Amino acid sequence: MKTIAREIVTAIISTLLFAVVLCGIYPVVIWGASLLLFPHAANGSLIESKDRTIVGSELLGQNFSGAKYFHPRPSAAGANGYDAVSSGGSNLGPTSQKLVDAVKARVEAYRTENSLAAGTLVPGDAVTASASGLDPHISTKNAGLQVPRVAQERGLGVEAVRQEVRKATDGRSLGFLGEPGVNVLKLNIALDNLTVH
């Protein structure tokens, strides 16, 4: 009996000790170190406007629908999309007629809003949502097709808008993983700082 009691006491003390270390001390140390070493990232990679108002995070997509803005990927997160609380995809598969119809409608809308010819290939990220529904990036091809519309709406030269696209383009992860992507929020804020309409 004494051995069992000793084992139970040892288990309880070990559980409490590990709870304090792993659920208390360790998270506080990691949180403090991240604030010291990476303050921007540790605070959510927030982006501020010129008047120091927080307008979003460079890690989360937002909806931009005006013609003078670059448009993000479609979103299935929440009833109206871009809802961080309801992050997720539509779960519609390639055989879903609802998905096929939605993509066809998005392709036509994309061609119309960007004044593209009927046969122009539309990038997949322009007409399909990401798995999270909150992807902050679009492909460089998608951004390139939107440049003429945005330049015309803002009264800017096409090359000036392309320059801003290049500045808002994030390279491949670790230099070789994935494809470069254009951060839509950063790009639209940069364009707003160039023009006032």
Protein backbone atom coordinates (compact mmCIF):
# COMPACT_ATOMS: atom_id res chain seq x y z
CA MET A 1 0.00 0.00 0.00
CA LYS A 2 2.81 2.41 0.83
CA THR A 3 4.28 1.89 -2.66
CA ILE A 4 0.96 2.70 -4.35
CA ALA A 5 0.49 5.82 -2.20
CA ARG A 6 4.05 6.94 -3.03
CA GLU A 7 3.40 6.39 -6.78
CA ILE A 8 0.16 8.41 -6.62
CA VAL A 9 1.86 11.30 -4.78
CA THR A 10 4.75 11.22 -7.29
CA ALA A 11 2.28 11.29 -10.21
CA ILE A 12 0.34 14.22 -8.73
CA ILE A 13 3.50 16.23 -8.02
CA SER A 14 4.88 15.48 -11.51
CA THR A 15 1.59 16.52 -13.14
CA LEU A 16 1.49 19.80 -11.18
CA LEU A 17 5.15 20.52 -11.90
CA PHE A 18 4.78 19.88 -15.63
CA ALA A 19 1.56 21.95 -15.70
CA VAL A 20 3.35 24.93 -14.15
CA VAL A 21 6.39 24.60 -16.42
CA LEU A 22 4.66 23.72 -19.72
CA CYS A 23 1.43 25.69 -19.30
CA GLY A 24 2.83 28.70 -17.48
CA ILE A 25 6.55 29.37 -17.56
CA TYR A 26 7.32 28.07 -21.07
CA PRO A 27 4.54 30.04 -22.86
CA VAL A 28 5.46 33.25 -21.01
CA VAL A 29 9.14 32.87 -21.94
CA ILE A 30 8.30 32.19 -25.63
CA TRP A 31 5.81 35.09 -25.70
CA GLY A 32 8.36 37.47 -24.13
CA ALA A 33 11.13 36.37 -26.46
CA SER A 34 8.91 36.80 -29.51
CA LEU A 35 7.94 40.32 -28.40
CA LEU A 36 11.61 41.23 -28.02
CA LEU A 37 12.90 39.55 -31.17
CA PHE A 38 9.93 39.85 -33.57
CA PRO A 39 7.58 42.58 -32.24
CA HIS A 40 5.72 43.14 -35.53
CA ALA A 41 4.96 39.44 -36.06
CA ALA A 42 4.22 38.76 -32.38
CA ASN A 43 1.54 41.46 -32.44
CA GLY A 44 -0.29 40.01 -35.45
CA SER A 45 1.62 41.69 -38.32
CA LEU A 46 -0.80 44.61 -38.15
CA ILE A 47 -0.82 47.29 -40.83
CA GLU A 48 -1.58 50.93 -40.04
CA SER A 49 -2.85 53.68 -42.31
CA LYS A 50 -1.21 57.09 -42.57
CA ASP A 51 -3.25 58.34 -39.60
CA ARG A 52 -1.98 55.40 -37.48
CA THR A 53 -5.32 53.55 -37.58
CA ILE A 54 -5.03 49.76 -37.74
CA VAL A 55 -6.58 48.64 -41.03
CA GLY A 56 -5.82 44.93 -40.90
CA SER A 57 -3.15 42.28 -40.77
CA GLU A 58 -0.85 41.38 -43.61
CA LEU A 59 -1.65 37.75 -42.77
CA LEU A 60 -5.42 37.94 -43.37
CA GLY A 61 -7.28 38.63 -46.59
CA GLN A 62 -9.93 41.34 -46.78
CA ASN A 63 -12.57 42.07 -49.37
CA PHE A 64 -11.92 44.93 -51.78
CA SER A 65 -14.60 45.43 -54.40
CA GLY A 66 -14.10 48.94 -55.78
CA ALA A 67 -12.73 49.24 -59.30
CA LYS A 68 -9.71 51.25 -58.07
CA TYR A 69 -8.60 48.36 -55.85
CA PHE A 70 -6.89 45.07 -56.55
CA HIS A 71 -9.35 42.32 -55.71
CA PRO A 72 -8.39 39.37 -53.49
CA ARG A 73 -9.21 35.70 -53.90
CA PRO A 74 -12.85 34.78 -53.38
CA SER A 75 -13.63 33.68 -49.83
CA ALA A 76 -15.96 31.03 -48.42
CA ALA A 77 -15.20 32.04 -44.80
CA GLY A 78 -18.54 32.98 -43.25
CA ALA A 79 -21.80 34.03 -44.85
CA ASN A 80 -20.27 37.01 -46.67
CA GLY A 81 -16.68 35.78 -46.88
CA TYR A 82 -13.49 37.06 -45.23
CA ASP A 83 -14.82 36.28 -41.72
CA ALA A 84 -11.81 35.30 -39.57
CA VAL A 85 -14.10 33.69 -36.99
CA SER A 86 -15.49 31.33 -39.65
CA SER A 87 -12.25 30.56 -41.45
CA GLY A 88 -12.56 27.64 -43.83
CA GLY A 89 -13.29 26.53 -47.35
CA SER A 90 -16.59 25.72 -48.98
CA ASN A 91 -15.79 21.97 -48.99
CA LEU A 92 -17.24 21.75 -52.52
CA GLY A 93 -15.43 19.17 -54.64
CA PRO A 94 -14.63 19.16 -58.37
CA THR A 95 -17.83 17.25 -59.17
CA SER A 96 -20.02 19.81 -57.41
CA GLN A 97 -22.29 21.60 -59.88
CA LYS A 98 -22.55 24.49 -57.41
CA LEU A 99 -18.76 24.96 -57.54
CA VAL A 100 -18.65 24.65 -61.34
CA ASP A 101 -21.40 27.27 -61.72
CA ALA A 102 -19.72 29.62 -59.21
CA VAL A 103 -16.36 29.38 -60.99
CA LYS A 104 -17.96 30.00 -64.41
CA ALA A 105 -19.73 33.09 -63.06
CA ARG A 106 -16.53 34.35 -61.45
CA VAL A 107 -14.55 33.85 -64.68
CA GLU A 108 -17.07 35.93 -66.64
CA ALA A 109 -17.18 38.62 -63.95
CA TYR A 110 -13.36 38.76 -63.83
CA ARG A 111 -13.07 39.13 -67.60
CA THR A 112 -15.76 41.83 -67.64
CA GLU A 113 -14.36 43.93 -64.78
CA ASN A 114 -10.83 43.77 -66.19
CA SER A 115 -11.88 44.31 -69.84
CA LEU A 116 -10.37 41.02 -70.98
CA ALA A 117 -11.15 39.22 -74.22
CA ALA A 118 -13.58 36.29 -74.04
CA GLY A 119 -10.85 33.64 -74.44
CA THR A 120 -8.39 35.11 -71.95
CA LEU A 121 -7.20 32.54 -69.42
CA VAL A 122 -8.12 33.56 -65.88
CA PRO A 123 -5.78 32.51 -63.05
CA GLY A 124 -7.25 29.90 -60.72
CA ASP A 125 -6.73 32.06 -57.64
CA ALA A 126 -9.00 34.73 -59.15
CA VAL A 127 -12.00 32.42 -59.20
CA THR A 128 -11.46 29.87 -56.40
CA ALA A 129 -11.26 30.37 -52.66
CA SER A 130 -8.31 29.21 -50.59
CA ALA A 131 -8.70 26.53 -47.92
CA SER A 132 -8.88 29.14 -45.16
CA GLY A 133 -10.89 31.70 -47.13
CA LEU A 134 -8.51 34.32 -45.73
CA ASP A 135 -5.48 34.10 -48.03
CA PRO A 136 -3.94 37.59 -48.17
CA HIS A 137 -2.08 36.95 -51.44
CA ILE A 138 -2.95 36.71 -55.10
CA SER A 139 -0.69 35.37 -57.83
CA THR A 140 1.51 37.73 -59.82
CA LYS A 141 -0.47 36.71 -62.94
CA ASN A 142 -3.75 37.69 -61.24
CA ALA A 143 -2.28 41.03 -60.16
CA GLY A 144 -0.85 41.65 -63.63
CA LEU A 145 -4.28 41.25 -65.26
CA GLN A 146 -5.79 43.76 -62.81
CA VAL A 147 -3.09 46.42 -63.32
CA PRO A 148 -4.67 48.22 -66.33
CA ARG A 149 -8.07 48.58 -64.59
CA VAL A 150 -6.55 49.90 -61.36
CA ALA A 151 -4.22 52.28 -63.22
CA GLN A 152 -7.10 53.70 -65.26
CA GLU A 153 -9.38 54.11 -62.23
CA ARG A 154 -6.67 55.88 -60.25
CA GLY A 155 -5.35 58.01 -63.07
CA LEU A 156 -1.89 56.48 -62.73
CA GLY A 157 0.48 55.12 -65.31
CA VAL A 158 0.48 51.37 -65.79
CA GLU A 159 4.20 51.19 -64.97
CA ALA A 160 3.67 53.09 -61.69
CA VAL A 161 1.06 50.54 -60.62
CA ARG A 162 3.29 47.64 -61.72
CA GLN A 163 6.06 49.09 -59.55
CA GLU A 164 3.74 49.02 -56.53
CA VAL A 165 2.80 45.42 -57.37
CA ARG A 166 6.49 44.49 -57.36
CA LYS A 167 6.96 46.16 -53.97
CA ALA A 168 4.00 44.23 -52.49
CA THR A 169 5.18 40.89 -53.88
CA ASP A 170 6.47 38.40 -51.34
CA GLY A 171 9.00 35.90 -52.65
CA ARG A 172 8.96 32.13 -52.32
CA SER A 173 9.05 30.73 -48.79
CA LEU A 174 12.66 29.93 -47.83
CA GLY A 175 13.61 31.05 -51.33
CA PHE A 176 12.37 27.91 -53.09
CA LEU A 177 8.95 26.81 -51.75
CA GLY A 178 5.73 27.83 -53.48
CA GLU A 179 5.26 30.76 -55.81
CA PRO A 180 5.66 34.52 -55.22
CA GLY A 181 2.45 36.19 -54.11
CA VAL A 182 1.16 39.77 -54.02
CA ASN A 183 -0.18 40.95 -50.66
CA VAL A 184 -3.46 42.66 -51.61
CA LEU A 185 -3.90 44.73 -48.45
CA LYS A 186 -0.35 46.11 -48.54
CA LEU A 187 -0.71 46.87 -52.26
CA ASN A 188 -4.04 48.68 -51.93
CA ILE A 189 -2.80 50.75 -48.98
CA ALA A 190 0.32 51.74 -50.93
CA LEU A 191 -1.88 52.80 -53.88
CA ASP A 192 -4.17 54.78 -51.57
CA ASN A 193 -1.10 56.61 -50.29
CA LEU A 194 -0.18 57.53 -53.88
CA THR A 195 -3.61 58.73 -54.95
CA VAL A 196 -6.58 60.38 -53.32
CA HIS A 197 -9.93 59.74 -55.04
